[in-house]
Structures are given as C-alpha cells and as structure tokens.
Amino acid sequence: MATGINGSKDEEITLVGIGASAGGLEALTRFIRGLPHGLKMGFLIAQHLSPAHKTMLVELLTRETELTVTDAVHGLAIQADTIYVTPPNRNIEINANFEIILTDRDLTESPRVCQRLNNLRNWNYEKIKSLYIRIS
C-alpha cells in the first residue's frame, strides 16, 4: 500500500486527478471547499494555462480548504489529505512507489489537461486506486 500521511506503509490512499480549464477556478474552489480531512485521498490538480502564465493556485486554494495545498514536486511521495498543484509547463505522472514524476511539456502544443495528467489511465499499479475529475 502507499505511504500515508501518518507514515504508515499500510494505509491505502486513493489518488484523485483533477483537470481544470483556465476558467475553472470557481468550480475547483467549490469542489475542494467541501473536502474534509480523513478521506484517505491525495489530489493532483492540473490546470490548463498558457506557458507564460504564473499560477497562484496554491495560494488561492489554501484559503479555501483545511487540507494541505502544495506545489507538486518531482520525487515527492503522495500523502493523504494533500492537494498537489502541477506547475505550469509540466506533465505529471505517478510511479509505482506513489511518487510524483514531473516532465517537461511539449511547448509546441497548446496545454491540455489530459496531457498534464499524462498517464492517469495507466495508473493501474496494484497499490494505486485512482479517479479522474474534469472541472471546467
């Protein structure tokens, strides 16, 4: 099982990938506002933004939830009750050790949420349960 927020190797965590359009902040805020602690879920957010856009999503979402909100960092293990925001110009994947893998996005293509959450459909590792939500 994945390592949980309490450091236990036995805690099972469900991974929730959330794709949001550039105009999806209001819907995203409403969604996370109602999330209580103790769901045993880790959340990955990928927002459709222009390559030149600096995101303030971590700061904005931190005000709206009791969960931890942080930038996704390469190699960081997913924790329960935590929301990870994908940096601009990066794709995000999860490896079998439940760690974040960030790769450069092809800047010749327009940013698309499905590319940012690159291998969500392939997250069928035995220990990872996953769900994908698209918010516009």
N, C-alpha and C. Protein backbone atom coordinates (compact mmCIF):
# COMPACT_ATOMS: atom_id res chain seq x y z
N MET A 1 0.83 -1.18 0.00
CA MET A 1 0.00 0.00 0.00
C MET A 1 0.88 1.25 0.00
N ALA A 2 0.29 2.34 -0.34
CA ALA A 2 1.02 3.60 -0.41
C ALA A 2 1.29 4.14 1.00
N THR A 3 2.35 4.92 1.12
CA THR A 3 2.64 5.55 2.39
C THR A 3 1.61 6.64 2.64
N GLY A 4 1.04 6.66 3.81
CA GLY A 4 0.02 7.64 4.13
C GLY A 4 0.59 8.83 4.88
N ILE A 5 -0.28 9.75 5.22
CA ILE A 5 0.13 10.98 5.88
C ILE A 5 0.76 10.70 7.24
N ASN A 6 0.37 9.60 7.87
CA ASN A 6 0.96 9.26 9.17
C ASN A 6 2.23 8.44 9.01
N GLY A 7 2.67 8.22 7.77
CA GLY A 7 3.90 7.48 7.50
C GLY A 7 3.72 5.98 7.48
N SER A 8 2.52 5.49 7.72
CA SER A 8 2.26 4.06 7.73
C SER A 8 2.32 3.49 6.32
N LYS A 9 3.03 2.38 6.15
CA LYS A 9 3.10 1.73 4.84
C LYS A 9 1.82 0.97 4.54
N ASP A 10 0.95 0.81 5.52
CA ASP A 10 -0.27 0.02 5.34
C ASP A 10 -1.47 0.85 4.90
N GLU A 11 -1.38 2.16 4.98
CA GLU A 11 -2.53 2.99 4.66
C GLU A 11 -2.78 3.03 3.16
N GLU A 12 -4.00 2.75 2.79
CA GLU A 12 -4.38 2.78 1.38
C GLU A 12 -4.88 4.18 1.04
N ILE A 13 -4.36 4.75 -0.03
CA ILE A 13 -4.75 6.09 -0.46
C ILE A 13 -5.31 6.02 -1.86
N THR A 14 -6.40 6.72 -2.08
CA THR A 14 -6.96 6.86 -3.42
C THR A 14 -6.41 8.15 -4.02
N LEU A 15 -5.93 8.06 -5.24
CA LEU A 15 -5.40 9.21 -5.95
C LEU A 15 -6.49 9.80 -6.82
N VAL A 16 -6.73 11.11 -6.68
CA VAL A 16 -7.75 11.79 -7.46
C VAL A 16 -7.06 12.81 -8.35
N GLY A 17 -7.12 12.61 -9.66
CA GLY A 17 -6.58 13.57 -10.62
C GLY A 17 -7.69 14.52 -11.04
N ILE A 18 -7.43 15.81 -10.95
CA ILE A 18 -8.43 16.82 -11.29
C ILE A 18 -7.89 17.70 -12.39
N GLY A 19 -8.58 17.73 -13.50
CA GLY A 19 -8.23 18.62 -14.60
C GLY A 19 -9.16 19.82 -14.59
N ALA A 20 -8.58 21.01 -14.69
CA ALA A 20 -9.39 22.23 -14.66
C ALA A 20 -8.99 23.14 -15.81
N SER A 21 -9.98 23.70 -16.47
CA SER A 21 -9.70 24.68 -17.51
C SER A 21 -9.21 25.96 -16.84
N ALA A 22 -8.68 26.88 -17.64
CA ALA A 22 -8.19 28.15 -17.10
C ALA A 22 -9.29 28.90 -16.36
N GLY A 23 -10.53 28.73 -16.80
CA GLY A 23 -11.65 29.41 -16.16
C GLY A 23 -12.33 28.56 -15.09
N GLY A 24 -11.71 27.47 -14.69
CA GLY A 24 -12.33 26.54 -13.76
C GLY A 24 -12.06 26.80 -12.29
N LEU A 25 -11.48 27.95 -11.96
CA LEU A 25 -11.13 28.23 -10.57
C LEU A 25 -12.34 28.20 -9.64
N GLU A 26 -13.45 28.80 -10.05
CA GLU A 26 -14.64 28.83 -9.19
C GLU A 26 -15.15 27.42 -8.90
N ALA A 27 -15.24 26.59 -9.94
CA ALA A 27 -15.72 25.22 -9.76
C ALA A 27 -14.73 24.41 -8.91
N LEU A 28 -13.46 24.60 -9.14
CA LEU A 28 -12.43 23.92 -8.38
C LEU A 28 -12.50 24.32 -6.90
N THR A 29 -12.67 25.60 -6.66
CA THR A 29 -12.78 26.11 -5.29
C THR A 29 -13.99 25.51 -4.59
N ARG A 30 -15.12 25.46 -5.26
CA ARG A 30 -16.32 24.86 -4.67
C ARG A 30 -16.09 23.39 -4.33
N PHE A 31 -15.42 22.70 -5.23
CA PHE A 31 -15.16 21.27 -5.02
C PHE A 31 -14.30 21.04 -3.78
N ILE A 32 -13.18 21.74 -3.68
CA ILE A 32 -12.27 21.46 -2.57
C ILE A 32 -12.77 22.03 -1.25
N ARG A 33 -13.61 23.04 -1.30
CA ARG A 33 -14.13 23.66 -0.08
C ARG A 33 -14.87 22.64 0.79
N GLY A 34 -15.49 21.67 0.18
CA GLY A 34 -16.27 20.69 0.94
C GLY A 34 -15.51 19.44 1.32
N LEU A 35 -14.22 19.37 1.05
CA LEU A 35 -13.47 18.16 1.35
C LEU A 35 -13.01 18.13 2.81
N PRO A 36 -13.43 17.13 3.56
CA PRO A 36 -12.99 17.03 4.96
C PRO A 36 -11.68 16.25 5.07
N HIS A 37 -11.00 16.40 6.20
CA HIS A 37 -9.83 15.57 6.50
C HIS A 37 -10.27 14.13 6.65
N GLY A 38 -9.36 13.22 6.46
CA GLY A 38 -9.62 11.81 6.74
C GLY A 38 -10.20 11.02 5.59
N LEU A 39 -10.20 11.57 4.39
CA LEU A 39 -10.74 10.85 3.23
C LEU A 39 -9.80 9.77 2.70
N LYS A 40 -8.54 9.80 3.14
CA LYS A 40 -7.51 8.89 2.64
C LYS A 40 -7.36 9.05 1.13
N MET A 41 -7.34 10.33 0.70
CA MET A 41 -7.17 10.66 -0.72
C MET A 41 -6.07 11.69 -0.88
N GLY A 42 -5.31 11.55 -1.97
CA GLY A 42 -4.37 12.57 -2.39
C GLY A 42 -4.90 13.13 -3.70
N PHE A 43 -4.79 14.44 -3.90
CA PHE A 43 -5.37 15.10 -5.06
C PHE A 43 -4.27 15.73 -5.91
N LEU A 44 -4.32 15.49 -7.22
CA LEU A 44 -3.42 16.13 -8.17
C LEU A 44 -4.25 17.05 -9.04
N ILE A 45 -3.88 18.32 -9.11
CA ILE A 45 -4.61 19.28 -9.94
C ILE A 45 -3.72 19.72 -11.09
N ALA A 46 -4.24 19.62 -12.29
CA ALA A 46 -3.56 20.14 -13.48
C ALA A 46 -4.52 21.14 -14.12
N GLN A 47 -4.07 22.38 -14.22
CA GLN A 47 -4.91 23.43 -14.80
C GLN A 47 -4.39 23.79 -16.18
N HIS A 48 -5.31 24.03 -17.09
CA HIS A 48 -4.99 24.43 -18.46
C HIS A 48 -4.60 25.91 -18.44
N LEU A 49 -3.30 26.18 -18.57
CA LEU A 49 -2.80 27.56 -18.55
C LEU A 49 -1.84 27.80 -19.70
N SER A 50 -1.71 29.02 -20.09
CA SER A 50 -0.73 29.40 -21.10
C SER A 50 0.67 29.20 -20.50
N PRO A 51 1.67 28.87 -21.34
CA PRO A 51 3.02 28.64 -20.84
C PRO A 51 3.61 29.85 -20.11
N ALA A 52 3.18 31.04 -20.44
CA ALA A 52 3.75 32.25 -19.82
C ALA A 52 3.04 32.64 -18.53
N HIS A 53 1.94 31.95 -18.21
CA HIS A 53 1.12 32.32 -17.05
C HIS A 53 1.74 31.81 -15.75
N LYS A 54 1.90 32.68 -14.77
CA LYS A 54 2.34 32.28 -13.44
C LYS A 54 1.10 31.96 -12.62
N THR A 55 1.06 30.78 -12.07
CA THR A 55 -0.12 30.38 -11.31
C THR A 55 -0.01 30.78 -9.84
N MET A 56 -1.14 31.16 -9.28
CA MET A 56 -1.26 31.44 -7.85
C MET A 56 -2.23 30.45 -7.22
N LEU A 57 -2.41 29.32 -7.89
CA LEU A 57 -3.42 28.36 -7.48
C LEU A 57 -3.18 27.83 -6.06
N VAL A 58 -1.94 27.57 -5.69
CA VAL A 58 -1.67 27.07 -4.34
C VAL A 58 -2.15 28.08 -3.30
N GLU A 59 -1.80 29.33 -3.49
CA GLU A 59 -2.21 30.36 -2.54
C GLU A 59 -3.72 30.53 -2.48
N LEU A 60 -4.37 30.51 -3.65
CA LEU A 60 -5.82 30.69 -3.69
C LEU A 60 -6.56 29.52 -3.05
N LEU A 61 -6.12 28.30 -3.34
CA LEU A 61 -6.82 27.13 -2.80
C LEU A 61 -6.55 26.93 -1.31
N THR A 62 -5.38 27.34 -0.84
CA THR A 62 -5.06 27.21 0.58
C THR A 62 -6.07 27.95 1.44
N ARG A 63 -6.60 29.04 0.94
CA ARG A 63 -7.59 29.83 1.68
C ARG A 63 -8.95 29.14 1.78
N GLU A 64 -9.16 28.14 0.93
CA GLU A 64 -10.50 27.55 0.80
C GLU A 64 -10.66 26.17 1.42
N THR A 65 -9.59 25.60 1.97
CA THR A 65 -9.69 24.23 2.47
C THR A 65 -8.81 24.04 3.70
N GLU A 66 -9.16 23.03 4.48
CA GLU A 66 -8.34 22.65 5.63
C GLU A 66 -7.24 21.68 5.21
N LEU A 67 -7.36 21.12 4.01
CA LEU A 67 -6.35 20.19 3.53
C LEU A 67 -5.06 20.95 3.21
N THR A 68 -3.96 20.25 3.17
CA THR A 68 -2.68 20.84 2.77
C THR A 68 -2.70 21.04 1.27
N VAL A 69 -2.30 22.22 0.80
CA VAL A 69 -2.21 22.52 -0.63
C VAL A 69 -0.76 22.90 -0.91
N THR A 70 -0.15 22.24 -1.89
CA THR A 70 1.27 22.48 -2.17
C THR A 70 1.56 22.29 -3.65
N ASP A 71 2.67 22.83 -4.10
CA ASP A 71 3.13 22.58 -5.46
C ASP A 71 3.56 21.12 -5.58
N ALA A 72 3.26 20.50 -6.70
CA ALA A 72 3.76 19.16 -6.97
C ALA A 72 5.27 19.25 -7.20
N VAL A 73 6.02 18.39 -6.54
CA VAL A 73 7.48 18.40 -6.64
C VAL A 73 7.94 17.01 -7.08
N HIS A 74 8.82 16.98 -8.06
CA HIS A 74 9.34 15.72 -8.59
C HIS A 74 9.94 14.87 -7.46
N GLY A 75 9.51 13.61 -7.38
CA GLY A 75 10.04 12.68 -6.40
C GLY A 75 9.30 12.66 -5.07
N LEU A 76 8.38 13.60 -4.88
CA LEU A 76 7.63 13.68 -3.63
C LEU A 76 6.60 12.55 -3.57
N ALA A 77 6.50 11.86 -2.45
CA ALA A 77 5.51 10.80 -2.27
C ALA A 77 4.15 11.42 -1.97
N ILE A 78 3.12 10.89 -2.60
CA ILE A 78 1.75 11.36 -2.39
C ILE A 78 1.31 11.05 -0.97
N GLN A 79 0.71 12.03 -0.31
CA GLN A 79 0.21 11.89 1.05
C GLN A 79 -1.30 12.09 1.05
N ALA A 80 -1.98 11.46 1.99
CA ALA A 80 -3.42 11.66 2.14
C ALA A 80 -3.69 13.08 2.62
N ASP A 81 -4.88 13.56 2.33
CA ASP A 81 -5.33 14.89 2.77
C ASP A 81 -4.44 16.00 2.24
N THR A 82 -3.87 15.80 1.07
CA THR A 82 -2.98 16.79 0.45
C THR A 82 -3.39 17.00 -0.99
N ILE A 83 -3.37 18.27 -1.42
CA ILE A 83 -3.67 18.66 -2.80
C ILE A 83 -2.37 19.14 -3.42
N TYR A 84 -1.99 18.51 -4.54
CA TYR A 84 -0.76 18.86 -5.25
C TYR A 84 -1.13 19.59 -6.54
N VAL A 85 -0.55 20.76 -6.76
CA VAL A 85 -0.83 21.56 -7.95
C VAL A 85 0.34 21.39 -8.92
N THR A 86 0.01 20.96 -10.13
CA THR A 86 1.03 20.76 -11.16
C THR A 86 1.58 22.10 -11.62
N PRO A 87 2.91 22.26 -11.66
CA PRO A 87 3.48 23.53 -12.12
C PRO A 87 3.18 23.77 -13.61
N PRO A 88 3.16 25.03 -14.03
CA PRO A 88 2.97 25.33 -15.45
C PRO A 88 4.07 24.65 -16.28
N ASN A 89 3.74 24.29 -17.49
CA ASN A 89 4.68 23.71 -18.46
C ASN A 89 5.23 22.35 -18.05
N ARG A 90 4.51 21.65 -17.19
CA ARG A 90 4.97 20.33 -16.75
C ARG A 90 3.85 19.32 -16.92
N ASN A 91 4.23 18.10 -17.27
CA ASN A 91 3.32 16.96 -17.23
C ASN A 91 3.53 16.30 -15.88
N ILE A 92 2.51 15.61 -15.41
CA ILE A 92 2.62 14.93 -14.12
C ILE A 92 2.23 13.48 -14.28
N GLU A 93 3.00 12.62 -13.65
CA GLU A 93 2.74 11.19 -13.63
C GLU A 93 3.00 10.71 -12.20
N ILE A 94 2.60 9.50 -11.92
CA ILE A 94 2.86 8.88 -10.64
C ILE A 94 3.52 7.53 -10.92
N ASN A 95 4.59 7.22 -10.19
CA ASN A 95 5.23 5.92 -10.39
C ASN A 95 4.66 4.89 -9.42
N ALA A 96 5.15 3.66 -9.50
CA ALA A 96 4.63 2.57 -8.68
C ALA A 96 4.92 2.77 -7.20
N ASN A 97 5.84 3.66 -6.86
CA ASN A 97 6.13 3.97 -5.46
C ASN A 97 5.28 5.12 -4.94
N PHE A 98 4.29 5.54 -5.74
CA PHE A 98 3.37 6.61 -5.37
C PHE A 98 4.09 7.95 -5.27
N GLU A 99 5.11 8.14 -6.11
CA GLU A 99 5.88 9.38 -6.14
C GLU A 99 5.52 10.18 -7.38
N ILE A 100 5.58 11.49 -7.25
CA ILE A 100 5.29 12.40 -8.35
C ILE A 100 6.47 12.41 -9.32
N ILE A 101 6.16 12.29 -10.60
CA ILE A 101 7.15 12.40 -11.66
C ILE A 101 6.73 13.58 -12.54
N LEU A 102 7.55 14.61 -12.61
CA LEU A 102 7.28 15.77 -13.46
C LEU A 102 8.20 15.73 -14.67
N THR A 103 7.61 15.97 -15.82
CA THR A 103 8.40 16.03 -17.06
C THR A 103 8.04 17.31 -17.80
N ASP A 104 8.94 17.76 -18.65
CA ASP A 104 8.69 18.97 -19.43
C ASP A 104 7.56 18.72 -20.42
N ARG A 105 6.72 19.72 -20.58
CA ARG A 105 5.63 19.65 -21.55
C ARG A 105 6.15 20.13 -22.89
N ASP A 106 5.64 19.56 -23.96
CA ASP A 106 5.98 19.99 -25.31
C ASP A 106 5.36 21.37 -25.54
N LEU A 107 6.18 22.40 -25.58
CA LEU A 107 5.67 23.77 -25.69
C LEU A 107 5.20 24.12 -27.10
N THR A 108 5.40 23.21 -28.05
CA THR A 108 4.88 23.47 -29.40
C THR A 108 3.39 23.15 -29.48
N GLU A 109 2.88 22.45 -28.47
CA GLU A 109 1.45 22.11 -28.43
C GLU A 109 0.77 22.99 -27.39
N SER A 110 -0.51 23.26 -27.62
CA SER A 110 -1.24 24.03 -26.62
C SER A 110 -1.44 23.17 -25.39
N PRO A 111 -1.44 23.78 -24.19
CA PRO A 111 -1.58 22.98 -22.97
C PRO A 111 -2.96 22.36 -22.88
N ARG A 112 -3.00 21.09 -22.60
CA ARG A 112 -4.25 20.38 -22.42
C ARG A 112 -4.17 19.61 -21.12
N VAL A 113 -5.26 19.61 -20.41
CA VAL A 113 -5.29 18.95 -19.11
C VAL A 113 -4.96 17.47 -19.25
N CYS A 114 -5.49 16.83 -20.28
CA CYS A 114 -5.25 15.39 -20.43
C CYS A 114 -3.76 15.10 -20.63
N GLN A 115 -3.02 16.02 -21.23
CA GLN A 115 -1.58 15.82 -21.36
C GLN A 115 -0.88 16.07 -20.03
N ARG A 116 -1.39 17.02 -19.26
CA ARG A 116 -0.76 17.35 -17.98
C ARG A 116 -0.87 16.17 -17.01
N LEU A 117 -2.02 15.50 -17.01
CA LEU A 117 -2.18 14.29 -16.20
C LEU A 117 -1.87 13.11 -17.11
N ASN A 118 -0.65 13.06 -17.52
CA ASN A 118 -0.18 12.25 -18.64
C ASN A 118 -0.61 10.80 -18.60
N ASN A 119 -0.36 10.09 -17.55
CA ASN A 119 -0.63 8.66 -17.59
C ASN A 119 -1.71 8.21 -16.62
N LEU A 120 -2.68 9.06 -16.35
CA LEU A 120 -3.72 8.72 -15.39
C LEU A 120 -4.42 7.42 -15.73
N ARG A 121 -4.71 7.22 -16.99
CA ARG A 121 -5.42 5.99 -17.38
C ARG A 121 -4.54 4.75 -17.19
N ASN A 122 -3.25 4.96 -17.08
CA ASN A 122 -2.34 3.83 -16.90
C ASN A 122 -1.97 3.60 -15.44
N TRP A 123 -2.58 4.35 -14.51
CA TRP A 123 -2.27 4.19 -13.10
C TRP A 123 -2.99 2.96 -12.56
N ASN A 124 -2.63 1.82 -13.07
CA ASN A 124 -3.28 0.60 -12.62
C ASN A 124 -2.32 -0.24 -11.80
N TYR A 125 -1.34 0.43 -11.19
CA TYR A 125 -0.47 -0.29 -10.28
C TYR A 125 -1.34 -0.91 -9.20
N GLU A 126 -0.94 -2.05 -8.72
CA GLU A 126 -1.76 -2.77 -7.74
C GLU A 126 -2.12 -1.93 -6.53
N LYS A 127 -1.20 -1.08 -6.06
CA LYS A 127 -1.45 -0.34 -4.83
C LYS A 127 -2.10 1.02 -5.05
N ILE A 128 -2.37 1.40 -6.29
CA ILE A 128 -2.92 2.73 -6.53
C ILE A 128 -4.36 2.63 -7.03
N LYS A 129 -5.26 3.22 -6.28
CA LYS A 129 -6.63 3.40 -6.74
C LYS A 129 -6.69 4.83 -7.25
N SER A 130 -7.33 5.04 -8.38
CA SER A 130 -7.36 6.40 -8.92
C SER A 130 -8.71 6.75 -9.50
N LEU A 131 -8.93 8.06 -9.59
CA LEU A 131 -10.16 8.63 -10.11
C LEU A 131 -9.78 9.92 -10.83
N TYR A 132 -10.43 10.21 -11.94
CA TYR A 132 -10.15 11.44 -12.68
C TYR A 132 -11.42 12.29 -12.75
N ILE A 133 -11.29 13.57 -12.45
CA ILE A 133 -12.42 14.51 -12.50
C ILE A 133 -12.03 15.66 -13.40
N ARG A 134 -12.91 16.03 -14.32
CA ARG A 134 -12.66 17.19 -15.20
C ARG A 134 -13.58 18.32 -14.79
N ILE A 135 -13.00 19.47 -14.42
CA ILE A 135 -13.77 20.63 -14.00
C ILE A 135 -13.53 21.74 -15.01
N SER A 136 -14.59 22.34 -15.52
CA SER A 136 -14.44 23.43 -16.49
C SER A 136 -14.90 24.73 -15.91
